[in-house]
């Protein structure tokens, strides 16, 4: 729970990877649309252009599920130098859809109607 609002907090998914390749090569694979398409297809993105770019360091893409309920999220890729040479990649995937965490309201609660008296 995220406090008194009664809504569930959803932690982001965080992954860290180490590569032998230099950060520049990893950055090119993330930022060049033709190369990115091999591992992150445009069909998975809400917008094929990154919403945030810090050249050589970070990219953020908006994503949308391809099946109902079509939830939206953002995925951030952070590139840096590896501890022992090479490069590191942090992938942070956060669910940002405003519908998440709200109580579900059924279309038909099957409850009897309640009428109010006129004042």
C-alpha atoms as a PDB file:
ATOM      1  CA  UNK A   1       0.000   0.000   0.000  1.00  0.00           C
ATOM      2  CA  UNK A   2       1.145   3.535  -0.632  1.00  0.00           C
ATOM      3  CA  UNK A   3      -0.181   5.170   2.503  1.00  0.00           C
ATOM      4  CA  UNK A   4      -3.669   6.426   3.286  1.00  0.00           C
ATOM      5  CA  UNK A   5      -5.001   6.588  -0.267  1.00  0.00           C
ATOM      6  CA  UNK A   6      -5.866   2.877  -0.378  1.00  0.00           C
ATOM      7  CA  UNK A   7      -4.103   2.354  -3.694  1.00  0.00           C
ATOM      8  CA  UNK A   8      -1.484  -0.315  -4.293  1.00  0.00           C
ATOM      9  CA  UNK A   9       2.002   0.952  -5.101  1.00  0.00           C
ATOM     10  CA  UNK A  10       3.631  -0.891  -7.963  1.00  0.00           C
ATOM     11  CA  UNK A  11       7.400  -1.053  -7.811  1.00  0.00           C
ATOM     12  CA  UNK A  12       9.283  -0.653 -11.082  1.00  0.00           C
ATOM     13  CA  UNK A  13      11.086  -3.614 -12.598  1.00  0.00           C
ATOM     14  CA  UNK A  14      14.831  -2.919 -12.514  1.00  0.00           C
ATOM     15  CA  UNK A  15      17.420  -4.986 -14.364  1.00  0.00           C
ATOM     16  CA  UNK A  16      21.175  -4.520 -14.657  1.00  0.00           C
ATOM     17  CA  UNK A  17      23.309  -6.044 -17.385  1.00  0.00           C
ATOM     18  CA  UNK A  18      27.059  -5.993 -18.022  1.00  0.00           C
ATOM     19  CA  UNK A  19      28.508  -6.071 -21.555  1.00  0.00           C
ATOM     20  CA  UNK A  20      32.040  -6.421 -22.903  1.00  0.00           C
ATOM     21  CA  UNK A  21      31.302  -3.829 -25.601  1.00  0.00           C
ATOM     22  CA  UNK A  22      32.057  -0.146 -24.969  1.00  0.00           C
ATOM     23  CA  UNK A  23      29.197   2.159 -23.892  1.00  0.00           C
ATOM     24  CA  UNK A  24      29.216   3.889 -27.299  1.00  0.00           C
ATOM     25  CA  UNK A  25      28.334   0.644 -29.074  1.00  0.00           C
ATOM     26  CA  UNK A  26      25.553  -0.124 -26.611  1.00  0.00           C
ATOM     27  CA  UNK A  27      24.214   3.427 -26.979  1.00  0.00           C
ATOM     28  CA  UNK A  28      24.100   3.029 -30.765  1.00  0.00           C
ATOM     29  CA  UNK A  29      22.071  -0.199 -30.424  1.00  0.00           C
ATOM     30  CA  UNK A  30      19.584   1.593 -28.151  1.00  0.00           C
ATOM     31  CA  UNK A  31      19.274   4.892 -29.998  1.00  0.00           C
ATOM     32  CA  UNK A  32      19.339   3.862 -33.667  1.00  0.00           C
ATOM     33  CA  UNK A  33      15.769   2.926 -34.725  1.00  0.00           C
ATOM     34  CA  UNK A  34      16.861   0.251 -37.222  1.00  0.00           C
ATOM     35  CA  UNK A  35      18.986  -1.514 -34.593  1.00  0.00           C
ATOM     36  CA  UNK A  36      16.477  -0.980 -31.765  1.00  0.00           C
ATOM     37  CA  UNK A  37      13.749  -2.572 -33.895  1.00  0.00           C
ATOM     38  CA  UNK A  38      15.451  -5.997 -33.548  1.00  0.00           C
ATOM     39  CA  UNK A  39      14.911  -6.171 -29.803  1.00  0.00           C
ATOM     40  CA  UNK A  40      12.250  -3.500 -29.085  1.00  0.00           C
ATOM     41  CA  UNK A  41       9.773  -3.430 -31.993  1.00  0.00           C
ATOM     42  CA  UNK A  42       8.029  -0.168 -32.808  1.00  0.00           C
ATOM     43  CA  UNK A  43       4.670  -1.966 -32.425  1.00  0.00           C
ATOM     44  CA  UNK A  44       5.353  -2.246 -28.676  1.00  0.00           C
ATOM     45  CA  UNK A  45       5.886   1.504 -28.334  1.00  0.00           C
ATOM     46  CA  UNK A  46       3.211   4.147 -27.801  1.00  0.00           C
ATOM     47  CA  UNK A  47       5.553   6.537 -29.624  1.00  0.00           C
ATOM     48  CA  UNK A  48       8.571   5.415 -31.692  1.00  0.00           C
ATOM     49  CA  UNK A  49      10.527   8.504 -30.613  1.00  0.00           C
ATOM     50  CA  UNK A  50      12.035   8.518 -27.122  1.00  0.00           C
ATOM     51  CA  UNK A  51      10.257  10.822 -24.687  1.00  0.00           C
ATOM     52  CA  UNK A  52      13.521  11.654 -22.881  1.00  0.00           C
ATOM     53  CA  UNK A  53      17.049  11.580 -24.293  1.00  0.00           C
ATOM     54  CA  UNK A  54      20.278  12.336 -22.474  1.00  0.00           C
ATOM     55  CA  UNK A  55      22.810  11.702 -25.268  1.00  0.00           C
ATOM     56  CA  UNK A  56      25.168   8.841 -24.505  1.00  0.00           C
ATOM     57  CA  UNK A  57      23.538   8.166 -21.119  1.00  0.00           C
ATOM     58  CA  UNK A  58      19.778   7.561 -21.055  1.00  0.00           C
ATOM     59  CA  UNK A  59      16.701   7.003 -23.211  1.00  0.00           C
ATOM     60  CA  UNK A  60      13.061   6.673 -22.166  1.00  0.00           C
ATOM     61  CA  UNK A  61      10.298   5.215 -24.326  1.00  0.00           C
ATOM     62  CA  UNK A  62       6.547   5.176 -23.723  1.00  0.00           C
ATOM     63  CA  UNK A  63       5.043   1.730 -24.180  1.00  0.00           C
ATOM     64  CA  UNK A  64       1.485   0.440 -24.533  1.00  0.00           C
ATOM     65  CA  UNK A  65       0.295  -3.161 -24.160  1.00  0.00           C
ATOM     66  CA  UNK A  66      -0.951  -4.647 -27.419  1.00  0.00           C
ATOM     67  CA  UNK A  67      -3.816  -6.474 -25.676  1.00  0.00           C
ATOM     68  CA  UNK A  68      -6.576  -5.285 -23.333  1.00  0.00           C
ATOM     69  CA  UNK A  69      -6.525  -3.484 -20.994  1.00  0.00           C
ATOM     70  CA  UNK A  70      -3.821  -1.670 -23.054  1.00  0.00           C
ATOM     71  CA  UNK A  71      -1.873  -0.441 -20.012  1.00  0.00           C
ATOM     72  CA  UNK A  72       0.759   2.238 -20.521  1.00  0.00           C
ATOM     73  CA  UNK A  73       4.261   2.263 -19.064  1.00  0.00           C
ATOM     74  CA  UNK A  74       7.689   3.784 -19.579  1.00  0.00           C
ATOM     75  CA  UNK A  75      10.985   1.986 -19.957  1.00  0.00           C
ATOM     76  CA  UNK A  76      14.244   3.798 -19.272  1.00  0.00           C
ATOM     77  CA  UNK A  77      17.618   2.587 -20.525  1.00  0.00           C
ATOM     78  CA  UNK A  78      20.699   3.946 -18.735  1.00  0.00           C
ATOM     79  CA  UNK A  79      24.102   3.271 -20.247  1.00  0.00           C
ATOM     80  CA  UNK A  80      27.341   3.649 -18.342  1.00  0.00           C
ATOM     81  CA  UNK A  81      30.876   2.400 -18.136  1.00  0.00           C
ATOM     82  CA  UNK A  82      31.215  -1.057 -16.613  1.00  0.00           C
ATOM     83  CA  UNK A  83      33.115  -1.639 -13.369  1.00  0.00           C
ATOM     84  CA  UNK A  84      35.788  -3.720 -15.087  1.00  0.00           C
ATOM     85  CA  UNK A  85      35.695  -2.222 -18.571  1.00  0.00           C
ATOM     86  CA  UNK A  86      32.927  -2.690 -21.079  1.00  0.00           C
ATOM     87  CA  UNK A  87      29.558  -1.156 -20.272  1.00  0.00           C
ATOM     88  CA  UNK A  88      26.585  -1.497 -17.967  1.00  0.00           C
ATOM     89  CA  UNK A  89      22.933  -1.188 -18.875  1.00  0.00           C
ATOM     90  CA  UNK A  90      20.187  -0.448 -16.369  1.00  0.00           C
ATOM     91  CA  UNK A  91      16.644  -1.090 -17.595  1.00  0.00           C
ATOM     92  CA  UNK A  92      13.861   0.429 -15.478  1.00  0.00           C
ATOM     93  CA  UNK A  93      10.287  -0.435 -16.477  1.00  0.00           C
ATOM     94  CA  UNK A  94       7.565   1.539 -14.671  1.00  0.00           C
ATOM     95  CA  UNK A  95       3.824   1.121 -14.969  1.00  0.00           C
ATOM     96  CA  UNK A  96       2.434   4.640 -15.397  1.00  0.00           C
ATOM     97  CA  UNK A  97      -1.155   3.963 -16.395  1.00  0.00           C
ATOM     98  CA  UNK A  98      -3.500   6.052 -14.267  1.00  0.00           C
ATOM     99  CA  UNK A  99      -6.028   3.218 -14.144  1.00  0.00           C
ATOM    100  CA  UNK A 100      -3.704   1.069 -12.040  1.00  0.00           C
ATOM    101  CA  UNK A 101      -4.292   1.208  -8.320  1.00  0.00           C
ATOM    102  CA  UNK A 102      -7.844   2.535  -8.549  1.00  0.00           C
ATOM    103  CA  UNK A 103     -10.523   0.331  -7.079  1.00  0.00           C
ATOM    104  CA  UNK A 104     -12.366  -1.632  -9.743  1.00  0.00           C
ATOM    105  CA  UNK A 105     -15.943  -0.545 -10.320  1.00  0.00           C
ATOM    106  CA  UNK A 106     -18.131  -3.181 -11.929  1.00  0.00           C
ATOM    107  CA  UNK A 107     -20.368  -2.101 -14.781  1.00  0.00           C
ATOM    108  CA  UNK A 108     -23.246  -3.834 -13.002  1.00  0.00           C
ATOM    109  CA  UNK A 109     -22.865  -4.362  -9.280  1.00  0.00           C
ATOM    110  CA  UNK A 110     -26.085  -6.422  -9.155  1.00  0.00           C
ATOM    111  CA  UNK A 111     -27.160  -4.374  -6.159  1.00  0.00           C
ATOM    112  CA  UNK A 112     -30.753  -3.200  -5.848  1.00  0.00           C
ATOM    113  CA  UNK A 113     -31.287   0.428  -6.882  1.00  0.00           C
ATOM    114  CA  UNK A 114     -31.367   2.971  -4.101  1.00  0.00           C
ATOM    115  CA  UNK A 115     -33.800   5.852  -4.413  1.00  0.00           C
ATOM    116  CA  UNK A 116     -33.503   9.089  -2.522  1.00  0.00           C
ATOM    117  CA  UNK A 117     -36.415  11.041  -1.243  1.00  0.00           C
ATOM    118  CA  UNK A 118     -36.926  14.491  -2.693  1.00  0.00           C
ATOM    119  CA  UNK A 119     -35.977  17.258  -0.325  1.00  0.00           C
END
